[in-house]
Amino acid sequence: MIDLKLASLMSSKLCHDVIGPIGAICNGAELVADDGNEDMRAEALRLISESAGEASARLQFYRLAFGLAGSMGQDISIREARSLSRDLMSFGKVRLDWPDEAGGAEMLPKDVVKILCNVLVVASGALPRGGELKVTGDVSGGNWSFMFRAEGMRALLREDVTYILQNGYNEADLTAQNVGVQYLMALCENNNVDLVIQEMDENQVSLAVRSG
């Protein structure tokens, strides 16, 4: 029997992540429909607009990070990943500092770009209280390397996330809580990509990823 656990858990994760902004849109629509004062209607319209923007940013980022993104071709510009990442992170507590010079507009294989997007998700998860995520890196010929540095109060990777980053993908240990990092490590193993925890202390977590 083919085990579909990874696909099922990833589907559940993505649905969970977009339920929040979509639910907020529904709540805003209900407020607009109710007979209320103009201030309430204006607030409801603001909520709808912001939540629709967040839902759109999430779905476009997820299409690249987790889907086939077939229309983008086999090689994707780092500029595309950077732009979608900026849009996604603009709605959270973590500030993203990914300058244009970090990768420029270089083209990389689709799976490599997916890996960069997923490292960003894992690194930002180390900042539950908010903070700044800095991305540096470059591409030279067929080689590339990037650093994702999460800085903020009590920056920390969960114990299970740390274990998976250090030991790689393990289907037997898949759970709804760790499916994102498990997917990342499966991508790394399939593409001979090295991902290591470069540094981890009370206020900083750094993940380094490079071509193998």
N, C-alpha and C. Protein backbone atom coordinates (compact mmCIF):
# COMPACT_ATOMS: atom_id res chain seq x y z
N MET A 1 0.85 -1.20 0.00
CA MET A 1 0.00 0.00 0.00
C MET A 1 0.88 1.25 0.00
N ILE A 2 0.53 2.24 -0.82
CA ILE A 2 1.28 3.49 -0.87
C ILE A 2 0.89 4.37 0.32
N ASP A 3 1.87 4.82 1.08
CA ASP A 3 1.61 5.64 2.25
C ASP A 3 1.40 7.10 1.82
N LEU A 4 0.24 7.64 2.08
CA LEU A 4 -0.09 9.01 1.70
C LEU A 4 -0.08 9.94 2.92
N LYS A 5 0.60 9.52 3.98
CA LYS A 5 0.59 10.30 5.21
C LYS A 5 1.17 11.69 5.02
N LEU A 6 2.31 11.81 4.32
CA LEU A 6 2.94 13.10 4.11
C LEU A 6 2.01 14.03 3.34
N ALA A 7 1.40 13.53 2.26
CA ALA A 7 0.50 14.35 1.47
C ALA A 7 -0.71 14.78 2.28
N SER A 8 -1.25 13.87 3.07
CA SER A 8 -2.43 14.18 3.88
C SER A 8 -2.12 15.23 4.93
N LEU A 9 -0.99 15.08 5.61
CA LEU A 9 -0.63 16.04 6.66
C LEU A 9 -0.29 17.41 6.06
N MET A 10 0.37 17.43 4.89
CA MET A 10 0.66 18.71 4.25
C MET A 10 -0.63 19.41 3.85
N SER A 11 -1.60 18.66 3.34
CA SER A 11 -2.88 19.25 2.97
C SER A 11 -3.58 19.84 4.19
N SER A 12 -3.52 19.12 5.29
CA SER A 12 -4.13 19.62 6.53
C SER A 12 -3.45 20.89 7.01
N LYS A 13 -2.12 20.92 6.92
CA LYS A 13 -1.37 22.10 7.34
C LYS A 13 -1.74 23.33 6.51
N LEU A 14 -1.79 23.16 5.20
CA LEU A 14 -2.09 24.30 4.34
C LEU A 14 -3.50 24.81 4.58
N CYS A 15 -4.45 23.89 4.74
CA CYS A 15 -5.83 24.31 5.04
C CYS A 15 -5.88 25.07 6.36
N HIS A 16 -5.17 24.56 7.36
CA HIS A 16 -5.14 25.21 8.67
C HIS A 16 -4.59 26.62 8.56
N ASP A 17 -3.55 26.80 7.75
CA ASP A 17 -2.89 28.09 7.65
C ASP A 17 -3.72 29.15 6.93
N VAL A 18 -4.63 28.73 6.05
CA VAL A 18 -5.44 29.73 5.33
C VAL A 18 -6.83 29.91 5.96
N ILE A 19 -7.18 29.06 6.91
CA ILE A 19 -8.50 29.20 7.55
C ILE A 19 -8.60 30.53 8.29
N GLY A 20 -7.50 30.96 8.94
CA GLY A 20 -7.53 32.19 9.73
C GLY A 20 -7.95 33.40 8.91
N PRO A 21 -7.21 33.76 7.85
CA PRO A 21 -7.60 34.94 7.07
C PRO A 21 -8.94 34.78 6.36
N ILE A 22 -9.27 33.58 5.90
CA ILE A 22 -10.56 33.38 5.23
C ILE A 22 -11.70 33.53 6.23
N GLY A 23 -11.49 33.02 7.45
CA GLY A 23 -12.50 33.21 8.50
C GLY A 23 -12.70 34.68 8.82
N ALA A 24 -11.60 35.44 8.82
CA ALA A 24 -11.70 36.88 9.09
C ALA A 24 -12.48 37.59 7.98
N ILE A 25 -12.30 37.14 6.74
CA ILE A 25 -13.07 37.72 5.63
C ILE A 25 -14.56 37.48 5.84
N CYS A 26 -14.91 36.26 6.24
CA CYS A 26 -16.32 35.92 6.49
C CYS A 26 -16.89 36.77 7.61
N ASN A 27 -16.12 36.95 8.68
CA ASN A 27 -16.58 37.77 9.80
C ASN A 27 -16.79 39.21 9.37
N GLY A 28 -15.86 39.73 8.56
CA GLY A 28 -15.99 41.09 8.06
C GLY A 28 -17.21 41.26 7.19
N ALA A 29 -17.48 40.26 6.35
CA ALA A 29 -18.65 40.32 5.47
C ALA A 29 -19.95 40.33 6.28
N GLU A 30 -19.97 39.59 7.37
CA GLU A 30 -21.15 39.58 8.23
C GLU A 30 -21.37 40.94 8.88
N LEU A 31 -20.27 41.59 9.28
CA LEU A 31 -20.39 42.91 9.88
C LEU A 31 -20.91 43.94 8.87
N VAL A 32 -20.44 43.83 7.63
CA VAL A 32 -20.90 44.75 6.60
C VAL A 32 -22.39 44.55 6.34
N ALA A 33 -22.81 43.29 6.37
CA ALA A 33 -24.21 42.98 6.08
C ALA A 33 -25.14 43.45 7.19
N ASP A 34 -24.64 43.51 8.42
CA ASP A 34 -25.48 43.96 9.53
C ASP A 34 -25.73 45.46 9.45
N ASP A 35 -26.84 45.86 10.00
CA ASP A 35 -27.13 47.29 10.09
C ASP A 35 -26.32 47.86 11.25
N GLY A 36 -25.29 48.59 10.92
CA GLY A 36 -24.45 49.19 11.95
C GLY A 36 -24.06 50.59 11.56
N ASN A 37 -23.27 51.22 12.41
CA ASN A 37 -22.84 52.58 12.08
C ASN A 37 -21.73 52.55 11.04
N GLU A 38 -21.43 53.71 10.51
CA GLU A 38 -20.44 53.82 9.43
C GLU A 38 -19.03 53.44 9.90
N ASP A 39 -18.72 53.74 11.16
CA ASP A 39 -17.41 53.38 11.68
C ASP A 39 -17.22 51.87 11.68
N MET A 40 -18.28 51.14 12.06
CA MET A 40 -18.20 49.69 12.09
C MET A 40 -18.06 49.13 10.68
N ARG A 41 -18.79 49.72 9.74
CA ARG A 41 -18.69 49.26 8.35
C ARG A 41 -17.29 49.52 7.79
N ALA A 42 -16.73 50.66 8.11
CA ALA A 42 -15.39 50.98 7.64
C ALA A 42 -14.37 50.01 8.22
N GLU A 43 -14.51 49.68 9.49
CA GLU A 43 -13.60 48.73 10.13
C GLU A 43 -13.75 47.34 9.51
N ALA A 44 -15.01 46.96 9.21
CA ALA A 44 -15.25 45.66 8.61
C ALA A 44 -14.63 45.58 7.21
N LEU A 45 -14.74 46.66 6.44
CA LEU A 45 -14.15 46.68 5.11
C LEU A 45 -12.62 46.63 5.18
N ARG A 46 -12.06 47.28 6.19
CA ARG A 46 -10.61 47.22 6.38
C ARG A 46 -10.17 45.80 6.70
N LEU A 47 -10.94 45.13 7.58
CA LEU A 47 -10.64 43.75 7.95
C LEU A 47 -10.71 42.84 6.73
N ILE A 48 -11.73 43.02 5.91
CA ILE A 48 -11.87 42.20 4.70
C ILE A 48 -10.69 42.41 3.77
N SER A 49 -10.31 43.66 3.56
CA SER A 49 -9.21 43.97 2.65
C SER A 49 -7.90 43.36 3.13
N GLU A 50 -7.58 43.55 4.41
CA GLU A 50 -6.33 43.02 4.94
C GLU A 50 -6.31 41.49 4.93
N SER A 51 -7.43 40.88 5.29
CA SER A 51 -7.48 39.42 5.35
C SER A 51 -7.43 38.81 3.95
N ALA A 52 -8.07 39.47 2.99
CA ALA A 52 -8.00 38.98 1.61
C ALA A 52 -6.56 39.07 1.10
N GLY A 53 -5.87 40.15 1.44
CA GLY A 53 -4.47 40.28 1.04
C GLY A 53 -3.61 39.21 1.66
N GLU A 54 -3.85 38.91 2.93
CA GLU A 54 -3.07 37.86 3.60
C GLU A 54 -3.35 36.49 3.00
N ALA A 55 -4.63 36.19 2.74
CA ALA A 55 -4.98 34.90 2.15
C ALA A 55 -4.33 34.74 0.77
N SER A 56 -4.36 35.81 -0.02
CA SER A 56 -3.75 35.77 -1.35
C SER A 56 -2.25 35.57 -1.26
N ALA A 57 -1.59 36.28 -0.34
CA ALA A 57 -0.15 36.14 -0.18
C ALA A 57 0.23 34.72 0.25
N ARG A 58 -0.55 34.17 1.18
CA ARG A 58 -0.27 32.81 1.64
C ARG A 58 -0.41 31.80 0.50
N LEU A 59 -1.50 31.90 -0.25
CA LEU A 59 -1.76 30.93 -1.31
C LEU A 59 -0.71 31.01 -2.42
N GLN A 60 -0.30 32.22 -2.78
CA GLN A 60 0.71 32.36 -3.83
C GLN A 60 2.07 31.83 -3.36
N PHE A 61 2.41 32.10 -2.10
CA PHE A 61 3.66 31.58 -1.56
C PHE A 61 3.61 30.06 -1.46
N TYR A 62 2.49 29.52 -0.97
CA TYR A 62 2.36 28.08 -0.80
C TYR A 62 2.41 27.35 -2.15
N ARG A 63 1.86 27.98 -3.18
CA ARG A 63 1.90 27.38 -4.51
C ARG A 63 3.34 27.12 -4.95
N LEU A 64 4.23 28.08 -4.63
CA LEU A 64 5.64 27.91 -4.97
C LEU A 64 6.34 26.99 -3.98
N ALA A 65 6.11 27.19 -2.69
CA ALA A 65 6.86 26.46 -1.66
C ALA A 65 6.46 25.00 -1.55
N PHE A 66 5.18 24.69 -1.80
CA PHE A 66 4.69 23.34 -1.58
C PHE A 66 4.09 22.67 -2.81
N GLY A 67 3.74 23.45 -3.82
CA GLY A 67 3.08 22.88 -4.99
C GLY A 67 4.03 22.67 -6.15
N LEU A 68 3.46 22.29 -7.29
CA LEU A 68 4.27 22.07 -8.49
C LEU A 68 4.62 23.38 -9.19
N ALA A 69 3.74 24.40 -9.05
CA ALA A 69 3.99 25.69 -9.71
C ALA A 69 4.39 25.46 -11.17
N GLY A 70 3.59 24.66 -11.86
CA GLY A 70 3.94 24.22 -13.20
C GLY A 70 4.16 25.33 -14.20
N SER A 71 3.40 26.41 -14.10
CA SER A 71 3.50 27.49 -15.08
C SER A 71 4.80 28.27 -14.97
N MET A 72 5.56 28.07 -13.86
CA MET A 72 6.80 28.82 -13.65
C MET A 72 8.00 28.18 -14.33
N GLY A 73 7.85 26.96 -14.85
CA GLY A 73 8.97 26.31 -15.51
C GLY A 73 9.82 25.50 -14.54
N GLN A 74 10.86 24.86 -15.07
CA GLN A 74 11.73 24.01 -14.25
C GLN A 74 12.75 24.81 -13.45
N ASP A 75 13.12 25.97 -13.95
CA ASP A 75 14.02 26.87 -13.22
C ASP A 75 13.25 28.14 -12.85
N ILE A 76 13.48 28.65 -11.65
CA ILE A 76 12.73 29.80 -11.14
C ILE A 76 13.71 30.84 -10.63
N SER A 77 13.40 32.09 -10.89
CA SER A 77 14.25 33.18 -10.42
C SER A 77 14.13 33.33 -8.90
N ILE A 78 15.26 33.56 -8.26
CA ILE A 78 15.24 33.83 -6.83
C ILE A 78 14.42 35.08 -6.54
N ARG A 79 14.36 35.99 -7.49
CA ARG A 79 13.55 37.20 -7.32
C ARG A 79 12.09 36.86 -7.05
N GLU A 80 11.58 35.80 -7.69
CA GLU A 80 10.20 35.37 -7.47
C GLU A 80 10.00 34.91 -6.04
N ALA A 81 10.93 34.09 -5.55
CA ALA A 81 10.83 33.61 -4.17
C ALA A 81 10.94 34.77 -3.18
N ARG A 82 11.84 35.71 -3.46
CA ARG A 82 12.03 36.85 -2.56
C ARG A 82 10.77 37.71 -2.51
N SER A 83 10.16 37.96 -3.67
CA SER A 83 8.97 38.80 -3.73
C SER A 83 7.80 38.15 -2.99
N LEU A 84 7.58 36.86 -3.23
CA LEU A 84 6.48 36.17 -2.56
C LEU A 84 6.73 36.06 -1.06
N SER A 85 7.99 35.91 -0.67
CA SER A 85 8.34 35.84 0.76
C SER A 85 8.08 37.17 1.44
N ARG A 86 8.42 38.27 0.77
CA ARG A 86 8.16 39.59 1.34
C ARG A 86 6.67 39.81 1.53
N ASP A 87 5.88 39.41 0.54
CA ASP A 87 4.43 39.58 0.65
C ASP A 87 3.88 38.77 1.83
N LEU A 88 4.33 37.52 1.94
CA LEU A 88 3.85 36.65 3.02
C LEU A 88 4.20 37.23 4.39
N MET A 89 5.46 37.62 4.57
CA MET A 89 5.93 38.06 5.87
C MET A 89 5.41 39.43 6.27
N SER A 90 4.88 40.18 5.33
CA SER A 90 4.37 41.51 5.66
C SER A 90 3.13 41.45 6.55
N PHE A 91 2.53 40.28 6.69
CA PHE A 91 1.32 40.16 7.50
C PHE A 91 1.57 39.57 8.89
N GLY A 92 2.81 39.26 9.22
CA GLY A 92 3.09 38.66 10.52
C GLY A 92 3.89 39.55 11.44
N LYS A 93 4.37 38.96 12.52
CA LYS A 93 5.15 39.70 13.53
C LYS A 93 6.63 39.72 13.22
N VAL A 94 7.05 38.96 12.21
CA VAL A 94 8.47 38.86 11.87
C VAL A 94 8.78 39.75 10.67
N ARG A 95 9.76 40.63 10.83
CA ARG A 95 10.20 41.50 9.73
C ARG A 95 11.21 40.75 8.88
N LEU A 96 11.01 40.77 7.59
CA LEU A 96 11.91 40.07 6.67
C LEU A 96 12.87 41.07 6.04
N ASP A 97 14.17 40.78 6.17
CA ASP A 97 15.21 41.57 5.51
C ASP A 97 15.91 40.66 4.51
N TRP A 98 15.40 40.65 3.28
CA TRP A 98 15.97 39.86 2.21
C TRP A 98 16.31 40.82 1.08
N PRO A 99 17.51 41.40 1.09
CA PRO A 99 17.88 42.40 0.09
C PRO A 99 17.98 41.80 -1.31
N ASP A 100 17.81 42.65 -2.32
CA ASP A 100 17.84 42.19 -3.70
C ASP A 100 19.17 41.51 -4.05
N GLU A 101 20.25 41.98 -3.44
CA GLU A 101 21.56 41.42 -3.79
C GLU A 101 21.77 40.01 -3.25
N ALA A 102 20.91 39.56 -2.36
CA ALA A 102 21.03 38.20 -1.83
C ALA A 102 20.39 37.23 -2.82
N GLY A 103 21.13 36.89 -3.83
CA GLY A 103 20.65 35.97 -4.86
C GLY A 103 20.26 36.65 -6.15
N GLY A 104 20.01 37.97 -6.07
CA GLY A 104 19.67 38.72 -7.27
C GLY A 104 18.48 38.13 -7.99
N ALA A 105 18.60 38.00 -9.31
CA ALA A 105 17.55 37.41 -10.13
C ALA A 105 18.04 36.11 -10.75
N GLU A 106 19.02 35.47 -10.10
CA GLU A 106 19.57 34.23 -10.62
C GLU A 106 18.49 33.14 -10.70
N MET A 107 18.63 32.27 -11.68
CA MET A 107 17.70 31.16 -11.85
C MET A 107 18.27 29.92 -11.15
N LEU A 108 17.42 29.22 -10.43
CA LEU A 108 17.81 27.98 -9.77
C LEU A 108 16.73 26.93 -10.04
N PRO A 109 17.07 25.65 -9.95
CA PRO A 109 16.05 24.61 -10.13
C PRO A 109 14.88 24.82 -9.17
N LYS A 110 13.70 24.45 -9.63
CA LYS A 110 12.48 24.69 -8.86
C LYS A 110 12.57 24.12 -7.44
N ASP A 111 13.09 22.91 -7.30
CA ASP A 111 13.16 22.31 -5.97
C ASP A 111 14.08 23.10 -5.04
N VAL A 112 15.14 23.68 -5.58
CA VAL A 112 16.04 24.48 -4.76
C VAL A 112 15.32 25.73 -4.26
N VAL A 113 14.56 26.38 -5.13
CA VAL A 113 13.80 27.56 -4.72
C VAL A 113 12.75 27.17 -3.68
N LYS A 114 12.14 26.00 -3.85
CA LYS A 114 11.19 25.52 -2.85
C LYS A 114 11.88 25.33 -1.51
N ILE A 115 13.11 24.81 -1.54
CA ILE A 115 13.86 24.62 -0.30
C ILE A 115 14.10 25.96 0.39
N LEU A 116 14.50 26.98 -0.37
CA LEU A 116 14.73 28.29 0.23
C LEU A 116 13.46 28.82 0.88
N CYS A 117 12.33 28.65 0.22
CA CYS A 117 11.05 29.11 0.79
C CYS A 117 10.72 28.37 2.08
N ASN A 118 10.99 27.07 2.10
CA ASN A 118 10.68 26.28 3.29
C ASN A 118 11.64 26.55 4.43
N VAL A 119 12.90 26.84 4.12
CA VAL A 119 13.83 27.24 5.19
C VAL A 119 13.34 28.55 5.81
N LEU A 120 12.86 29.46 4.99
CA LEU A 120 12.32 30.72 5.50
C LEU A 120 11.17 30.47 6.48
N VAL A 121 10.29 29.54 6.14
CA VAL A 121 9.16 29.22 7.02
C VAL A 121 9.65 28.66 8.35
N VAL A 122 10.61 27.74 8.30
CA VAL A 122 11.13 27.13 9.53
C VAL A 122 11.88 28.16 10.37
N ALA A 123 12.68 29.00 9.71
CA ALA A 123 13.45 30.01 10.46
C ALA A 123 12.52 31.03 11.11
N SER A 124 11.49 31.45 10.41
CA SER A 124 10.56 32.42 10.99
C SER A 124 9.79 31.81 12.15
N GLY A 125 9.62 30.47 12.13
CA GLY A 125 8.95 29.79 13.23
C GLY A 125 9.75 29.82 14.52
N ALA A 126 11.04 30.19 14.42
CA ALA A 126 11.88 30.30 15.63
C ALA A 126 11.65 31.63 16.34
N LEU A 127 10.74 32.47 15.81
CA LEU A 127 10.49 33.78 16.40
C LEU A 127 9.01 33.92 16.78
N PRO A 128 8.53 33.14 17.74
CA PRO A 128 7.12 33.20 18.12
C PRO A 128 6.72 34.55 18.72
N ARG A 129 7.69 35.30 19.24
CA ARG A 129 7.40 36.62 19.82
C ARG A 129 7.68 37.75 18.83
N GLY A 130 8.04 37.39 17.61
CA GLY A 130 8.39 38.40 16.62
C GLY A 130 9.87 38.68 16.62
N GLY A 131 10.30 39.42 15.63
CA GLY A 131 11.71 39.75 15.50
C GLY A 131 12.06 40.03 14.06
N GLU A 132 13.29 39.74 13.68
CA GLU A 132 13.74 40.01 12.32
C GLU A 132 14.40 38.77 11.73
N LEU A 133 14.08 38.49 10.49
CA LEU A 133 14.68 37.39 9.77
C LEU A 133 15.52 37.96 8.63
N LYS A 134 16.84 37.77 8.71
CA LYS A 134 17.76 38.30 7.71
C LYS A 134 18.23 37.18 6.79
N VAL A 135 18.18 37.44 5.51
CA VAL A 135 18.61 36.46 4.52
C VAL A 135 19.81 37.00 3.76
N THR A 136 20.89 36.23 3.74
CA THR A 136 22.06 36.58 2.94
C THR A 136 22.40 35.37 2.08
N GLY A 137 23.15 35.62 1.02
CA GLY A 137 23.53 34.50 0.17
C GLY A 137 23.94 34.93 -1.21
N ASP A 138 24.42 33.98 -1.97
CA ASP A 138 24.83 34.27 -3.34
C ASP A 138 24.80 33.01 -4.19
N VAL A 139 24.82 33.23 -5.49
CA VAL A 139 24.85 32.14 -6.46
C VAL A 139 26.04 32.38 -7.38
N SER A 140 26.88 31.37 -7.53
CA SER A 140 28.07 31.51 -8.37
C SER A 140 28.23 30.25 -9.20
N GLY A 141 27.98 30.40 -10.50
CA GLY A 141 28.03 29.23 -11.36
C GLY A 141 26.97 28.23 -10.96
N GLY A 142 27.37 27.00 -10.73
CA GLY A 142 26.41 25.99 -10.31
C GLY A 142 26.29 25.86 -8.81
N ASN A 143 27.02 26.68 -8.07
CA ASN A 143 27.00 26.61 -6.62
C ASN A 143 26.20 27.76 -6.02
N TRP A 144 25.61 27.52 -4.87
CA TRP A 144 24.83 28.55 -4.20
C TRP A 144 24.85 28.27 -2.70
N SER A 145 24.66 29.32 -1.92
CA SER A 145 24.57 29.18 -0.46
C SER A 145 23.76 30.34 0.10
N PHE A 146 23.00 30.06 1.14
CA PHE A 146 22.19 31.09 1.79
C PHE A 146 22.21 30.89 3.30
N MET A 147 22.07 31.99 4.00
CA MET A 147 21.98 31.98 5.45
C MET A 147 20.68 32.67 5.86
N PHE A 148 19.92 32.03 6.74
CA PHE A 148 18.69 32.59 7.29
C PHE A 148 18.92 32.80 8.78
N ARG A 149 18.99 34.08 9.19
CA ARG A 149 19.31 34.41 10.58
C ARG A 149 18.09 35.03 11.26
N ALA A 150 17.51 34.30 12.21
CA ALA A 150 16.34 34.77 12.96
C ALA A 150 16.81 35.39 14.26
N GLU A 151 16.48 36.66 14.46
CA GLU A 151 16.91 37.38 15.65
C GLU A 151 15.69 37.97 16.36
N GLY A 152 15.56 37.70 17.64
CA GLY A 152 14.45 38.23 18.40
C GLY A 152 14.44 37.65 19.81
N MET A 153 13.57 38.19 20.65
CA MET A 153 13.49 37.75 22.04
C MET A 153 13.15 36.26 22.12
N ARG A 154 14.00 35.52 22.81
CA ARG A 154 13.83 34.09 23.04
C ARG A 154 13.65 33.32 21.73
N ALA A 155 14.45 33.67 20.74
CA ALA A 155 14.45 32.91 19.49
C ALA A 155 14.80 31.45 19.80
N LEU A 156 14.01 30.54 19.25
CA LEU A 156 14.22 29.14 19.61
C LEU A 156 13.54 28.24 18.59
N LEU A 157 14.23 27.15 18.23
CA LEU A 157 13.62 26.08 17.46
C LEU A 157 13.05 25.05 18.42
N ARG A 158 11.86 24.56 18.12
CA ARG A 158 11.29 23.51 18.94
C ARG A 158 12.22 22.30 18.95
N GLU A 159 12.15 21.52 20.00
CA GLU A 159 13.03 20.36 20.15
C GLU A 159 12.85 19.37 19.00
N ASP A 160 11.60 19.12 18.60
CA ASP A 160 11.37 18.16 17.52
C ASP A 160 11.87 18.70 16.19
N VAL A 161 11.75 20.02 15.97
CA VAL A 161 12.25 20.64 14.74
C VAL A 161 13.77 20.52 14.69
N THR A 162 14.43 20.81 15.82
CA THR A 162 15.88 20.68 15.89
C THR A 162 16.33 19.26 15.58
N TYR A 163 15.64 18.30 16.14
CA TYR A 163 16.00 16.90 15.93
C TYR A 163 15.91 16.52 14.45
N ILE A 164 14.84 16.94 13.79
CA ILE A 164 14.64 16.60 12.38
C ILE A 164 15.67 17.30 11.51
N LEU A 165 15.98 18.56 11.81
CA LEU A 165 17.00 19.27 11.05
C LEU A 165 18.36 18.58 11.16
N GLN A 166 18.62 17.98 12.30
CA GLN A 166 19.91 17.32 12.52
C GLN A 166 19.95 15.89 12.01
N ASN A 167 18.78 15.25 11.91
CA ASN A 167 18.76 13.83 11.57
C ASN A 167 18.06 13.50 10.25
N GLY A 168 17.37 14.46 9.66
CA GLY A 168 16.77 14.23 8.36
C GLY A 168 15.35 13.69 8.43
N TYR A 169 14.79 13.48 7.26
CA TYR A 169 13.40 13.03 7.12
C TYR A 169 13.22 11.61 7.66
N ASN A 170 12.12 11.41 8.39
CA ASN A 170 11.79 10.08 8.91
C ASN A 170 10.28 9.93 8.86
N GLU A 171 9.81 9.15 7.92
CA GLU A 171 8.37 8.99 7.72
C GLU A 171 7.67 8.47 8.97
N ALA A 172 8.35 7.62 9.73
CA ALA A 172 7.73 7.03 10.92
C ALA A 172 7.41 8.07 11.98
N ASP A 173 8.14 9.20 11.96
CA ASP A 173 7.95 10.23 12.98
C ASP A 173 7.06 11.39 12.51
N LEU A 174 6.43 11.26 11.35
CA LEU A 174 5.59 12.33 10.81
C LEU A 174 4.42 12.63 11.74
N THR A 175 4.22 13.92 12.03
CA THR A 175 3.05 14.36 12.79
C THR A 175 2.53 15.64 12.15
N ALA A 176 1.34 16.05 12.55
CA ALA A 176 0.78 17.30 12.05
C ALA A 176 1.63 18.49 12.47
N GLN A 177 2.35 18.37 13.59
CA GLN A 177 3.15 19.47 14.10
C GLN A 177 4.49 19.61 13.37
N ASN A 178 5.05 18.50 12.89
CA ASN A 178 6.39 18.58 12.29
C ASN A 178 6.41 18.35 10.78
N VAL A 179 5.24 18.26 10.14
CA VAL A 179 5.20 17.91 8.72
C VAL A 179 5.93 18.93 7.86
N GLY A 180 5.92 20.21 8.25
CA GLY A 180 6.59 21.23 7.45
C GLY A 180 8.09 21.01 7.38
N VAL A 181 8.72 20.79 8.53
CA VAL A 181 10.17 20.58 8.54
C VAL A 181 10.53 19.21 7.97
N GLN A 182 9.66 18.23 8.14
CA GLN A 182 9.90 16.92 7.53
C GLN A 182 9.89 17.05 6.00
N TYR A 183 8.95 17.81 5.47
CA TYR A 183 8.88 18.04 4.03
C TYR A 183 10.15 18.74 3.54
N LEU A 184 10.60 19.73 4.30
CA LEU A 184 11.83 20.44 3.94
C LEU A 184 13.01 19.47 3.86
N MET A 185 13.15 18.61 4.86
CA MET A 185 14.30 17.70 4.87
C MET A 185 14.19 16.65 3.77
N ALA A 186 12.97 16.25 3.42
CA ALA A 186 12.80 15.33 2.29
C ALA A 186 13.25 15.99 1.00
N LEU A 187 12.90 17.26 0.82
CA LEU A 187 13.36 18.00 -0.35
C LEU A 187 14.88 18.08 -0.39
N CYS A 188 15.49 18.36 0.75
CA CYS A 188 16.95 18.47 0.81
C CYS A 188 17.61 17.14 0.44
N GLU A 189 17.10 16.04 0.99
CA GLU A 189 17.69 14.74 0.70
C GLU A 189 17.52 14.37 -0.77
N ASN A 190 16.37 14.67 -1.34
CA ASN A 190 16.12 14.34 -2.74
C ASN A 190 16.99 15.14 -3.70
N ASN A 191 17.45 16.31 -3.25
CA ASN A 191 18.22 17.20 -4.13
C ASN A 191 19.67 17.37 -3.71
N ASN A 192 20.13 16.52 -2.79
CA ASN A 192 21.53 16.56 -2.33
C ASN A 192 21.91 17.96 -1.83
N VAL A 193 21.06 18.53 -1.01
CA VAL A 193 21.27 19.87 -0.45
C VAL A 193 21.65 19.76 1.02
N ASP A 194 22.64 20.52 1.44
CA ASP A 194 23.09 20.52 2.84
C ASP A 194 22.38 21.62 3.62
N LEU A 195 21.77 21.26 4.73
CA LEU A 195 21.11 22.22 5.61
C LEU A 195 21.57 21.95 7.03
N VAL A 196 22.12 22.97 7.67
CA VAL A 196 22.64 22.80 9.03
C VAL A 196 22.19 23.95 9.91
N ILE A 197 22.11 23.67 11.20
CA ILE A 197 21.89 24.74 12.19
C ILE A 197 23.26 25.37 12.45
N GLN A 198 23.46 26.57 11.96
CA GLN A 198 24.75 27.24 12.08
C GLN A 198 24.97 27.78 13.48
N GLU A 199 23.91 28.30 14.07
CA GLU A 199 24.02 28.91 15.40
C GLU A 199 22.66 28.89 16.07
N MET A 200 22.65 28.70 17.39
CA MET A 200 21.39 28.75 18.13
C MET A 200 21.69 29.15 19.56
N ASP A 201 21.24 30.35 19.93
CA ASP A 201 21.37 30.78 21.31
C ASP A 201 20.06 31.42 21.74
N GLU A 202 20.08 32.15 22.85
CA GLU A 202 18.83 32.63 23.45
C GLU A 202 18.06 33.58 22.53
N ASN A 203 18.75 34.37 21.74
CA ASN A 203 18.08 35.37 20.93
C ASN A 203 18.38 35.26 19.44
N GLN A 204 18.95 34.14 19.00
CA GLN A 204 19.32 34.03 17.60
C GLN A 204 19.36 32.58 17.15
N VAL A 205 18.82 32.34 15.96
CA VAL A 205 18.90 31.03 15.31
C VAL A 205 19.32 31.26 13.87
N SER A 206 20.37 30.56 13.44
CA SER A 206 20.86 30.71 12.07
C SER A 206 20.85 29.36 11.38
N LEU A 207 20.24 29.31 10.21
CA LEU A 207 20.22 28.11 9.39
C LEU A 207 20.99 28.37 8.10
N ALA A 208 21.92 27.49 7.77
CA ALA A 208 22.72 27.62 6.56
C ALA A 208 22.33 26.51 5.59
N VAL A 209 22.08 26.87 4.35
CA VAL A 209 21.71 25.92 3.33
C VAL A 209 22.55 26.16 2.09
N ARG A 210 23.04 25.09 1.49
CA ARG A 210 23.93 25.24 0.33
C ARG A 210 23.86 24.01 -0.56
N SER A 211 24.29 24.20 -1.80
CA SER A 211 24.33 23.09 -2.75
C SER A 211 25.31 22.04 -2.25
N GLY A 212 24.94 20.77 -2.45
CA GLY A 212 25.76 19.69 -1.94
C GLY A 212 26.93 19.35 -2.84
